[in-house]
Amino acid sequence: MKLPLPFLISVLGLFVTLAPAAPTAETDERVAAAYVLALGRTATPAELSQRTASGSDTISALVTRLRETLARDPAATGATSRKAFTDAFGRAPNAGEAVGTGTYTELLQGHVRSLTEHPDDYAGVLGRAYRFVISRDVYPEEIEYWKKQDPLPYALLVACIEDWARRNQPGLMVTAGTATASINSLYLTTVRLSPTLAAEARAAAGLAPVVEGEASTPLGRNVIAAGAGKIASSGRIYFVAAGSPELAR
């Protein structure tokens, strides 16, 4: 039996309506960024596929969902808490040392506040970062250089020292200039974002929005992570960041 054309068109339209929307590159970016902010790591292919089914959720909404997932998974909570501690202080927590609970970014924010309140602890983090990247202790002048800026977690310090060392080879002297991190840092897990999604990610990370017309640095302060509000991004690239597995070597 030959079906009338209007009927076929209506049936086809029904199937189009019921079919799930294909994930877009923007959706993938949102999910990837949410995993870095919430868990401090990239999403696995299976996780990326599962979460992209959420459609057009904002990064903040995705982070909220991942926070709820963390609360139901003690193993993931412990792994995230230990990672946030190590990325903040450059060492594993001692026995009995509180690591807290929450998303990676929330925990890192708390650790950065602790470093702000305890300058001697921050000096220790600086020393560990310099020994790790360039195999020497931090100079007193460099401690003063970093203390004039907002405290950074160990992972971001390492990335900034790495970038400074690369730009100033050979014959490294005393760290100076604008603290800058690269999306290609060996020591960071990163996800590149469009400027629009970067604004979403800043909100999800608790960073102040960028004020239009308020020049930051020639490179742009586009690194999105706890404590990274004033770090310049090499190449003006917007990206979210967490410590990479290379920090543990």
C-alpha atoms as a PDB file:
ATOM      1  CA  MET A   1       0.000   0.000   0.000  1.00  0.00           C
ATOM      2  CA  LYS A   2       1.327   3.349  -0.969  1.00  0.00           C
ATOM      3  CA  LEU A   3       1.200   5.787   1.943  1.00  0.00           C
ATOM      4  CA  PRO A   4       0.319   9.418   1.248  1.00  0.00           C
ATOM      5  CA  LEU A   5       3.242  11.860   1.275  1.00  0.00           C
ATOM      6  CA  PRO A   6       1.838  14.074   4.094  1.00  0.00           C
ATOM      7  CA  PHE A   7       1.624  11.012   6.355  1.00  0.00           C
ATOM      8  CA  LEU A   8       5.232  10.015   5.641  1.00  0.00           C
ATOM      9  CA  ILE A   9       6.422  13.542   6.368  1.00  0.00           C
ATOM     10  CA  SER A  10       4.574  13.632   9.705  1.00  0.00           C
ATOM     11  CA  VAL A  11       6.037  10.259  10.766  1.00  0.00           C
ATOM     12  CA  LEU A  12       9.523  11.362   9.785  1.00  0.00           C
ATOM     13  CA  GLY A  13       9.061  14.543  11.786  1.00  0.00           C
ATOM     14  CA  LEU A  14       8.039  12.487  14.830  1.00  0.00           C
ATOM     15  CA  PHE A  15      11.241  10.428  14.628  1.00  0.00           C
ATOM     16  CA  VAL A  16      13.343  13.557  14.264  1.00  0.00           C
ATOM     17  CA  THR A  17      11.654  15.039  17.339  1.00  0.00           C
ATOM     18  CA  LEU A  18      12.213  11.903  19.419  1.00  0.00           C
ATOM     19  CA  ALA A  19      15.843  11.359  18.360  1.00  0.00           C
ATOM     20  CA  PRO A  20      18.354  12.633  20.931  1.00  0.00           C
ATOM     21  CA  ALA A  21      20.375  15.645  19.874  1.00  0.00           C
ATOM     22  CA  ALA A  22      23.874  14.766  18.760  1.00  0.00           C
ATOM     23  CA  PRO A  23      26.560  15.921  21.166  1.00  0.00           C
ATOM     24  CA  THR A  24      28.278  19.081  19.994  1.00  0.00           C
ATOM     25  CA  ALA A  25      31.872  20.142  20.406  1.00  0.00           C
ATOM     26  CA  GLU A  26      30.625  22.739  22.903  1.00  0.00           C
ATOM     27  CA  THR A  27      28.899  20.057  24.969  1.00  0.00           C
ATOM     28  CA  ASP A  28      32.090  17.978  24.995  1.00  0.00           C
ATOM     29  CA  GLU A  29      34.059  21.026  26.166  1.00  0.00           C
ATOM     30  CA  ARG A  30      31.624  21.625  28.991  1.00  0.00           C
ATOM     31  CA  VAL A  31      31.797  18.032  30.204  1.00  0.00           C
ATOM     32  CA  ALA A  32      35.585  17.878  29.919  1.00  0.00           C
ATOM     33  CA  ALA A  33      35.968  21.142  31.837  1.00  0.00           C
ATOM     34  CA  ALA A  34      33.534  19.997  34.546  1.00  0.00           C
ATOM     35  CA  TYR A  35      35.555  16.842  35.200  1.00  0.00           C
ATOM     36  CA  VAL A  36      38.779  18.806  35.633  1.00  0.00           C
ATOM     37  CA  LEU A  37      37.091  21.262  37.994  1.00  0.00           C
ATOM     38  CA  ALA A  38      35.162  18.649  39.984  1.00  0.00           C
ATOM     39  CA  LEU A  39      37.577  15.704  40.064  1.00  0.00           C
ATOM     40  CA  GLY A  40      40.925  17.197  39.051  1.00  0.00           C
ATOM     41  CA  ARG A  41      41.249  14.846  36.093  1.00  0.00           C
ATOM     42  CA  THR A  42      40.042  14.350  32.549  1.00  0.00           C
ATOM     43  CA  ALA A  43      36.905  12.363  31.791  1.00  0.00           C
ATOM     44  CA  THR A  44      37.264   8.861  30.399  1.00  0.00           C
ATOM     45  CA  PRO A  45      35.656   8.235  26.969  1.00  0.00           C
ATOM     46  CA  ALA A  46      32.802   6.402  28.704  1.00  0.00           C
ATOM     47  CA  GLU A  47      32.240   9.270  31.160  1.00  0.00           C
ATOM     48  CA  LEU A  48      32.375  11.816  28.361  1.00  0.00           C
ATOM     49  CA  SER A  49      29.800   9.861  26.371  1.00  0.00           C
ATOM     50  CA  GLN A  50      27.512   9.437  29.378  1.00  0.00           C
ATOM     51  CA  ARG A  51      27.601  13.069  30.441  1.00  0.00           C
ATOM     52  CA  THR A  52      27.136  14.533  26.968  1.00  0.00           C
ATOM     53  CA  ALA A  53      23.651  12.999  27.097  1.00  0.00           C
ATOM     54  CA  SER A  54      22.848  15.798  29.568  1.00  0.00           C
ATOM     55  CA  GLY A  55      22.694  18.134  26.607  1.00  0.00           C
ATOM     56  CA  SER A  56      23.112  21.828  27.254  1.00  0.00           C
ATOM     57  CA  ASP A  57      23.808  21.783  31.002  1.00  0.00           C
ATOM     58  CA  THR A  58      26.130  24.574  32.085  1.00  0.00           C
ATOM     59  CA  ILE A  59      29.540  23.764  33.498  1.00  0.00           C
ATOM     60  CA  SER A  60      28.292  24.736  36.963  1.00  0.00           C
ATOM     61  CA  ALA A  61      25.345  22.326  36.636  1.00  0.00           C
ATOM     62  CA  LEU A  62      27.657  19.525  35.525  1.00  0.00           C
ATOM     63  CA  VAL A  63      30.004  20.197  38.448  1.00  0.00           C
ATOM     64  CA  THR A  64      27.007  20.019  40.797  1.00  0.00           C
ATOM     65  CA  ARG A  65      26.049  16.613  39.372  1.00  0.00           C
ATOM     66  CA  LEU A  66      29.606  15.369  39.774  1.00  0.00           C
ATOM     67  CA  ARG A  67      29.634  16.626  43.374  1.00  0.00           C
ATOM     68  CA  GLU A  68      26.525  14.531  44.041  1.00  0.00           C
ATOM     69  CA  THR A  69      28.215  11.519  42.440  1.00  0.00           C
ATOM     70  CA  LEU A  70      31.283  12.052  44.634  1.00  0.00           C
ATOM     71  CA  ALA A  71      29.133  12.100  47.760  1.00  0.00           C
ATOM     72  CA  ARG A  72      27.919   8.584  46.935  1.00  0.00           C
ATOM     73  CA  ASP A  73      31.368   7.161  46.165  1.00  0.00           C
ATOM     74  CA  PRO A  74      33.814   7.046  49.110  1.00  0.00           C
ATOM     75  CA  ALA A  75      36.674   5.775  46.936  1.00  0.00           C
ATOM     76  CA  ALA A  76      36.309   8.641  44.450  1.00  0.00           C
ATOM     77  CA  THR A  77      35.940  11.114  47.329  1.00  0.00           C
ATOM     78  CA  GLY A  78      39.190   9.896  48.878  1.00  0.00           C
ATOM     79  CA  ALA A  79      41.068  10.008  45.574  1.00  0.00           C
ATOM     80  CA  THR A  80      39.839  13.525  44.814  1.00  0.00           C
ATOM     81  CA  SER A  81      40.670  14.770  48.312  1.00  0.00           C
ATOM     82  CA  ARG A  82      44.188  13.345  48.224  1.00  0.00           C
ATOM     83  CA  LYS A  83      44.812  14.787  44.767  1.00  0.00           C
ATOM     84  CA  ALA A  84      43.645  18.255  45.792  1.00  0.00           C
ATOM     85  CA  PHE A  85      45.921  18.130  48.836  1.00  0.00           C
ATOM     86  CA  THR A  86      48.945  17.010  46.814  1.00  0.00           C
ATOM     87  CA  ASP A  87      48.308  19.571  44.063  1.00  0.00           C
ATOM     88  CA  ALA A  88      48.081  22.297  46.711  1.00  0.00           C
ATOM     89  CA  PHE A  89      51.061  21.438  48.912  1.00  0.00           C
ATOM     90  CA  GLY A  90      53.362  19.395  46.704  1.00  0.00           C
ATOM     91  CA  ARG A  91      53.353  16.450  49.066  1.00  0.00           C
ATOM     92  CA  ALA A  92      51.093  13.639  50.167  1.00  0.00           C
ATOM     93  CA  PRO A  93      49.073  14.208  53.345  1.00  0.00           C
ATOM     94  CA  ASN A  94      50.602  12.861  56.532  1.00  0.00           C
ATOM     95  CA  ALA A  95      48.782  10.253  58.606  1.00  0.00           C
ATOM     96  CA  GLY A  96      45.861  11.914  60.341  1.00  0.00           C
ATOM     97  CA  GLU A  97      46.189  15.123  58.327  1.00  0.00           C
ATOM     98  CA  ALA A  98      42.782  16.403  57.243  1.00  0.00           C
ATOM     99  CA  VAL A  99      42.193  16.380  53.500  1.00  0.00           C
ATOM    100  CA  GLY A 100      38.515  17.381  53.540  1.00  0.00           C
ATOM    101  CA  THR A 101      35.630  16.484  51.254  1.00  0.00           C
ATOM    102  CA  GLY A 102      34.076  18.211  48.266  1.00  0.00           C
ATOM    103  CA  THR A 103      34.994  18.789  44.667  1.00  0.00           C
ATOM    104  CA  TYR A 104      38.614  19.130  43.631  1.00  0.00           C
ATOM    105  CA  THR A 105      38.209  22.864  43.095  1.00  0.00           C
ATOM    106  CA  GLU A 106      36.408  23.449  46.403  1.00  0.00           C
ATOM    107  CA  LEU A 107      39.135  21.584  48.273  1.00  0.00           C
ATOM    108  CA  LEU A 108      41.892  23.399  46.423  1.00  0.00           C
ATOM    109  CA  GLN A 109      40.266  26.736  47.253  1.00  0.00           C
ATOM    110  CA  GLY A 110      40.362  25.812  50.940  1.00  0.00           C
ATOM    111  CA  HIS A 111      44.015  24.793  50.727  1.00  0.00           C
ATOM    112  CA  VAL A 112      44.922  28.057  48.997  1.00  0.00           C
ATOM    113  CA  ARG A 113      43.213  29.977  51.818  1.00  0.00           C
ATOM    114  CA  SER A 114      45.297  27.961  54.270  1.00  0.00           C
ATOM    115  CA  LEU A 115      48.489  28.894  52.423  1.00  0.00           C
ATOM    116  CA  THR A 116      47.408  32.535  52.560  1.00  0.00           C
ATOM    117  CA  GLU A 117      47.001  32.310  56.323  1.00  0.00           C
ATOM    118  CA  HIS A 118      50.280  30.416  56.890  1.00  0.00           C
ATOM    119  CA  PRO A 119      53.171  32.122  55.063  1.00  0.00           C
ATOM    120  CA  ASP A 120      55.729  29.617  56.385  1.00  0.00           C
ATOM    121  CA  ASP A 121      53.761  26.761  54.803  1.00  0.00           C
ATOM    122  CA  TYR A 122      53.678  28.685  51.539  1.00  0.00           C
ATOM    123  CA  ALA A 123      57.441  29.193  51.660  1.00  0.00           C
ATOM    124  CA  GLY A 124      57.749  25.413  51.989  1.00  0.00           C
ATOM    125  CA  VAL A 125      55.541  24.915  48.933  1.00  0.00           C
ATOM    126  CA  LEU A 126      57.691  27.383  46.991  1.00  0.00           C
ATOM    127  CA  GLY A 127      60.829  25.494  47.948  1.00  0.00           C
ATOM    128  CA  ARG A 128      59.358  22.186  46.831  1.00  0.00           C
ATOM    129  CA  ALA A 129      58.236  23.681  43.509  1.00  0.00           C
ATOM    130  CA  TYR A 130      61.678  25.114  42.662  1.00  0.00           C
ATOM    131  CA  ARG A 131      63.488  21.929  43.629  1.00  0.00           C
ATOM    132  CA  PHE A 132      61.082  19.913  41.502  1.00  0.00           C
ATOM    133  CA  VAL A 133      61.364  22.031  38.337  1.00  0.00           C
ATOM    134  CA  ILE A 134      64.920  23.401  38.315  1.00  0.00           C
ATOM    135  CA  SER A 135      66.667  21.356  41.028  1.00  0.00           C
ATOM    136  CA  ARG A 136      67.541  24.271  43.287  1.00  0.00           C
ATOM    137  CA  ASP A 137      66.001  25.936  46.293  1.00  0.00           C
ATOM    138  CA  VAL A 138      63.973  29.090  46.001  1.00  0.00           C
ATOM    139  CA  TYR A 139      65.962  32.304  46.492  1.00  0.00           C
ATOM    140  CA  PRO A 140      64.867  34.804  49.167  1.00  0.00           C
ATOM    141  CA  GLU A 141      64.166  37.333  46.396  1.00  0.00           C
ATOM    142  CA  GLU A 142      61.858  34.826  44.755  1.00  0.00           C
ATOM    143  CA  ILE A 143      59.965  34.233  47.986  1.00  0.00           C
ATOM    144  CA  GLU A 144      59.344  37.972  48.096  1.00  0.00           C
ATOM    145  CA  TYR A 145      58.357  37.975  44.411  1.00  0.00           C
ATOM    146  CA  TRP A 146      55.705  35.318  44.977  1.00  0.00           C
ATOM    147  CA  LYS A 147      54.460  36.798  48.248  1.00  0.00           C
ATOM    148  CA  LYS A 148      53.599  40.019  46.406  1.00  0.00           C
ATOM    149  CA  GLN A 149      51.059  37.985  44.451  1.00  0.00           C
ATOM    150  CA  ASP A 150      48.080  35.913  45.481  1.00  0.00           C
ATOM    151  CA  PRO A 151      49.214  32.473  46.740  1.00  0.00           C
ATOM    152  CA  LEU A 152      49.132  29.680  44.194  1.00  0.00           C
ATOM    153  CA  PRO A 153      48.761  25.953  44.740  1.00  0.00           C
ATOM    154  CA  TYR A 154      51.851  23.856  44.086  1.00  0.00           C
ATOM    155  CA  ALA A 155      50.634  22.591  40.694  1.00  0.00           C
ATOM    156  CA  LEU A 156      50.237  26.113  39.302  1.00  0.00           C
ATOM    157  CA  LEU A 157      53.531  27.263  40.817  1.00  0.00           C
ATOM    158  CA  VAL A 158      55.302  24.381  39.109  1.00  0.00           C
ATOM    159  CA  ALA A 159      53.666  25.273  35.778  1.00  0.00           C
ATOM    160  CA  CYS A 160      54.636  28.945  36.124  1.00  0.00           C
ATOM    161  CA  ILE A 161      58.223  28.135  37.108  1.00  0.00           C
ATOM    162  CA  GLU A 162      58.434  25.715  34.173  1.00  0.00           C
ATOM    163  CA  ASP A 163      57.247  28.439  31.769  1.00  0.00           C
ATOM    164  CA  TRP A 164      59.661  31.013  33.233  1.00  0.00           C
ATOM    165  CA  ALA A 165      62.577  28.575  33.022  1.00  0.00           C
ATOM    166  CA  ARG A 166      61.774  27.710  29.404  1.00  0.00           C
ATOM    167  CA  ARG A 167      61.630  31.382  28.395  1.00  0.00           C
ATOM    168  CA  ASN A 168      64.830  32.328  30.204  1.00  0.00           C
ATOM    169  CA  GLN A 169      67.200  29.523  29.260  1.00  0.00           C
ATOM    170  CA  PRO A 170      70.131  29.399  29.404  1.00  0.00           C
ATOM    171  CA  GLY A 171      71.511  30.957  32.566  1.00  0.00           C
ATOM    172  CA  LEU A 172      68.493  31.179  34.856  1.00  0.00           C
ATOM    173  CA  MET A 173      68.752  34.013  37.352  1.00  0.00           C
ATOM    174  CA  VAL A 174      65.970  35.200  39.685  1.00  0.00           C
ATOM    175  CA  THR A 175      62.310  34.730  38.792  1.00  0.00           C
ATOM    176  CA  ALA A 176      60.690  37.965  37.644  1.00  0.00           C
ATOM    177  CA  GLY A 177      58.023  39.234  35.273  1.00  0.00           C
ATOM    178  CA  THR A 178      54.446  38.062  34.928  1.00  0.00           C
ATOM    179  CA  ALA A 179      53.557  34.657  36.331  1.00  0.00           C
ATOM    180  CA  THR A 180      52.500  32.691  33.253  1.00  0.00           C
ATOM    181  CA  ALA A 181      51.312  29.144  32.625  1.00  0.00           C
ATOM    182  CA  SER A 182      51.023  27.282  29.327  1.00  0.00           C
ATOM    183  CA  ILE A 183      48.215  24.991  28.242  1.00  0.00           C
ATOM    184  CA  ASN A 184      51.002  22.648  27.107  1.00  0.00           C
ATOM    185  CA  SER A 185      52.641  22.440  30.532  1.00  0.00           C
ATOM    186  CA  LEU A 186      53.893  18.960  31.314  1.00  0.00           C
ATOM    187  CA  TYR A 187      52.631  19.429  34.858  1.00  0.00           C
ATOM    188  CA  LEU A 188      49.032  20.420  34.150  1.00  0.00           C
ATOM    189  CA  THR A 189      45.961  18.539  32.999  1.00  0.00           C
ATOM    190  CA  THR A 190      44.156  21.063  30.805  1.00  0.00           C
ATOM    191  CA  VAL A 191      41.074  21.566  28.662  1.00  0.00           C
ATOM    192  CA  ARG A 192      40.983  24.369  26.130  1.00  0.00           C
ATOM    193  CA  LEU A 193      37.797  26.462  26.109  1.00  0.00           C
ATOM    194  CA  SER A 194      36.172  29.097  23.959  1.00  0.00           C
ATOM    195  CA  PRO A 195      35.914  32.570  25.554  1.00  0.00           C
ATOM    196  CA  THR A 196      32.181  31.994  26.128  1.00  0.00           C
ATOM    197  CA  LEU A 197      32.663  28.684  27.930  1.00  0.00           C
ATOM    198  CA  ALA A 198      35.624  30.130  29.821  1.00  0.00           C
ATOM    199  CA  ALA A 199      33.220  32.595  31.457  1.00  0.00           C
ATOM    200  CA  GLU A 200      31.043  29.640  32.516  1.00  0.00           C
ATOM    201  CA  ALA A 201      34.079  27.812  33.867  1.00  0.00           C
ATOM    202  CA  ARG A 202      35.231  30.869  35.830  1.00  0.00           C
ATOM    203  CA  ALA A 203      31.847  31.003  37.542  1.00  0.00           C
ATOM    204  CA  ALA A 204      32.008  27.276  38.295  1.00  0.00           C
ATOM    205  CA  ALA A 205      35.514  27.694  39.733  1.00  0.00           C
ATOM    206  CA  GLY A 206      34.515  30.639  41.926  1.00  0.00           C
ATOM    207  CA  LEU A 207      36.704  33.125  40.064  1.00  0.00           C
ATOM    208  CA  ALA A 208      35.589  36.714  39.589  1.00  0.00           C
ATOM    209  CA  PRO A 209      34.283  37.481  36.098  1.00  0.00           C
ATOM    210  CA  VAL A 210      36.589  39.284  33.711  1.00  0.00           C
ATOM    211  CA  VAL A 211      35.636  42.961  33.534  1.00  0.00           C
ATOM    212  CA  GLU A 212      35.446  44.126  29.929  1.00  0.00           C
ATOM    213  CA  GLY A 213      38.066  46.779  29.185  1.00  0.00           C
ATOM    214  CA  GLU A 214      40.057  46.027  32.334  1.00  0.00           C
ATOM    215  CA  ALA A 215      43.439  45.046  30.898  1.00  0.00           C
ATOM    216  CA  SER A 216      45.193  42.367  32.895  1.00  0.00           C
ATOM    217  CA  THR A 217      48.475  41.603  31.159  1.00  0.00           C
ATOM    218  CA  PRO A 218      49.619  41.448  27.544  1.00  0.00           C
ATOM    219  CA  LEU A 219      49.081  37.687  27.680  1.00  0.00           C
ATOM    220  CA  GLY A 220      45.646  37.693  29.266  1.00  0.00           C
ATOM    221  CA  ARG A 221      44.667  36.032  32.527  1.00  0.00           C
ATOM    222  CA  ASN A 222      42.788  33.137  31.104  1.00  0.00           C
ATOM    223  CA  VAL A 223      43.868  30.206  33.300  1.00  0.00           C
ATOM    224  CA  ILE A 224      40.852  28.808  35.156  1.00  0.00           C
ATOM    225  CA  ALA A 225      41.648  26.986  38.402  1.00  0.00           C
ATOM    226  CA  ALA A 226      41.501  27.637  42.130  1.00  0.00           C
ATOM    227  CA  GLY A 227      43.942  30.445  42.901  1.00  0.00           C
ATOM    228  CA  ALA A 228      44.583  31.219  39.220  1.00  0.00           C
ATOM    229  CA  GLY A 229      42.670  34.486  39.019  1.00  0.00           C
ATOM    230  CA  LYS A 230      45.735  36.563  38.125  1.00  0.00           C
ATOM    231  CA  ILE A 231      47.914  34.097  36.230  1.00  0.00           C
ATOM    232  CA  ALA A 232      48.671  34.968  32.624  1.00  0.00           C
ATOM    233  CA  SER A 233      48.012  32.418  29.917  1.00  0.00           C
ATOM    234  CA  SER A 234      50.734  31.872  27.355  1.00  0.00           C
ATOM    235  CA  GLY A 235      49.240  32.707  23.981  1.00  0.00           C
ATOM    236  CA  ARG A 236      46.070  34.159  25.529  1.00  0.00           C
ATOM    237  CA  ILE A 237      44.529  30.675  25.464  1.00  0.00           C
ATOM    238  CA  TYR A 238      41.565  29.998  27.752  1.00  0.00           C
ATOM    239  CA  PHE A 239      41.844  26.730  29.639  1.00  0.00           C
ATOM    240  CA  VAL A 240      40.884  24.966  32.848  1.00  0.00           C
ATOM    241  CA  ALA A 241      43.717  23.292  34.725  1.00  0.00           C
ATOM    242  CA  ALA A 242      44.535  20.785  37.435  1.00  0.00           C
ATOM    243  CA  GLY A 243      47.781  19.073  38.354  1.00  0.00           C
ATOM    244  CA  SER A 244      48.901  16.351  35.950  1.00  0.00           C
ATOM    245  CA  PRO A 245      50.163  12.862  36.898  1.00  0.00           C
ATOM    246  CA  GLU A 246      53.689  14.140  36.142  1.00  0.00           C
ATOM    247  CA  LEU A 247      53.652  15.975  39.472  1.00  0.00           C
ATOM    248  CA  ALA A 248      53.851  12.633  41.246  1.00  0.00           C
ATOM    249  CA  ARG A 249      57.041  11.430  39.574  1.00  0.00           C
END
